[in-house]
Protein backbone atom coordinates (compact mmCIF):
# COMPACT_ATOMS: atom_id res chain seq x y z
CA UNK A 1 -13.46 -6.33 2.88
CA UNK A 2 -13.49 -9.31 5.03
CA UNK A 3 -10.31 -9.89 5.99
CA UNK A 4 -7.48 -7.92 8.47
CA UNK A 5 -4.86 -5.71 7.43
CA UNK A 6 -1.10 -6.95 8.30
CA UNK A 7 0.02 -4.73 11.25
CA UNK A 8 2.68 -4.90 13.96
CA UNK A 9 1.98 -4.68 17.81
CA UNK A 10 5.53 -2.38 17.82
CA UNK A 11 3.99 0.27 15.63
CA UNK A 12 2.34 3.03 17.44
CA UNK A 13 -1.22 4.04 16.57
CA UNK A 14 -0.75 6.84 14.26
CA UNK A 15 2.12 4.55 12.28
CA UNK A 16 -0.92 1.77 12.56
CA UNK A 17 -3.21 3.90 11.17
CA UNK A 18 -1.02 5.24 8.26
CA UNK A 19 -0.26 1.41 6.90
CA UNK A 20 -3.50 0.68 6.76
CA UNK A 21 -4.38 4.20 4.54
CA UNK A 22 -1.47 2.51 2.23
CA UNK A 23 -3.41 -0.75 2.15
CA UNK A 24 -6.67 1.20 1.27
CA UNK A 25 -4.84 3.10 -1.05
CA UNK A 26 -3.97 -0.25 -2.89
CA UNK A 27 -7.39 -1.47 -2.70
CA UNK A 28 -8.56 2.13 -4.74
CA UNK A 29 -6.37 1.30 -7.17
CA UNK A 30 -7.66 -1.75 -7.57
CA UNK A 31 -11.18 -0.85 -7.17
CA UNK A 32 -11.84 2.50 -8.64
CA UNK A 33 -8.38 4.03 -9.22
CA UNK A 34 -6.21 6.60 -7.44
CA UNK A 35 -4.41 9.32 -8.23
CA UNK A 36 -0.60 8.42 -8.33
CA UNK A 37 0.65 11.73 -6.41
CA UNK A 38 -2.14 10.41 -3.42
CA UNK A 39 -0.70 6.55 -4.13
CA UNK A 40 3.03 7.39 -3.72
CA UNK A 41 2.76 9.61 -0.69
CA UNK A 42 0.88 6.91 1.34
CA UNK A 43 3.98 4.72 -0.10
CA UNK A 44 6.66 6.95 1.18
CA UNK A 45 4.44 6.92 4.39
CA UNK A 46 4.56 3.04 4.88
CA UNK A 47 8.51 3.28 3.76
CA UNK A 48 8.95 5.49 6.75
CA UNK A 49 7.19 2.92 9.16
CA UNK A 50 8.50 -0.28 7.39
CA UNK A 51 12.00 0.72 5.88
CA UNK A 52 13.26 -2.75 5.41
CA UNK A 53 12.82 -4.40 1.75
CA UNK A 54 12.25 -8.00 3.58
CA UNK A 55 9.91 -6.53 6.03
CA UNK A 56 7.87 -4.70 3.14
CA UNK A 57 7.67 -7.95 1.20
CA UNK A 58 6.47 -9.66 4.30
CA UNK A 59 4.00 -7.35 5.01
CA UNK A 60 2.97 -6.84 1.22
CA UNK A 61 2.92 -10.54 0.63
CA UNK A 62 0.19 -11.29 3.84
CA UNK A 63 -1.82 -8.59 2.29
CA UNK A 64 -1.72 -10.06 -0.86
CA UNK A 65 -2.81 -13.44 0.50
CA UNK A 66 -5.78 -12.19 2.35
CA UNK A 67 -7.02 -9.32 -0.17
CA UNK A 68 -5.88 -10.95 -3.48
CA UNK A 69 -4.21 -7.27 -4.27
CA UNK A 70 -0.86 -7.09 -5.35
CA UNK A 71 1.17 -3.76 -3.51
CA UNK A 72 4.23 -4.26 -5.94
CA UNK A 73 1.99 -4.35 -9.06
CA UNK A 74 0.69 -1.13 -7.76
CA UNK A 75 3.49 0.86 -6.94
CA UNK A 76 5.39 -0.71 -9.93
CA UNK A 77 2.67 0.55 -12.11
CA UNK A 78 2.35 4.01 -10.30
CA UNK A 79 6.59 4.61 -10.67
CA UNK A 80 5.91 3.61 -14.48
CA UNK A 81 3.27 5.78 -15.32
CA UNK A 82 3.18 9.64 -16.19
CA UNK A 83 2.84 12.21 -13.08
CA UNK A 84 -1.05 13.64 -12.46
CA UNK A 85 -2.34 10.53 -14.03
CA UNK A 86 -4.81 7.92 -12.08
CA UNK A 87 -3.28 4.41 -11.22
CA UNK A 88 -6.01 1.60 -12.09
CA UNK A 89 -5.49 -1.78 -11.95
C-alpha cells in the first residue's frame, strides 16, 4: 500500500480508525476475500460516521482513485450474495 486513506479532520481518533478498517476490508475483498458479515459490519460502522450519501460517494471515490479498489462494487456484491459467504472480487 503506497497511498493514504481519505480521512476527515472532523472525525475522532476512534472514527478515523474505524473508517480505515472499512477501507482495509475493501482491500481484503480484492486481495484475498473477506467474510460478508465482517465486511457489512465495517460498512455499517462507516455509515454511522459518514451518514451522507454525497460524502460517502466523495470519500469512496477518493479511495478508488488512489487504490484502484471500488467500495461501491464490493458493497453491492456483498449485498447480492448469500449470508455466510466470502466476498471476493
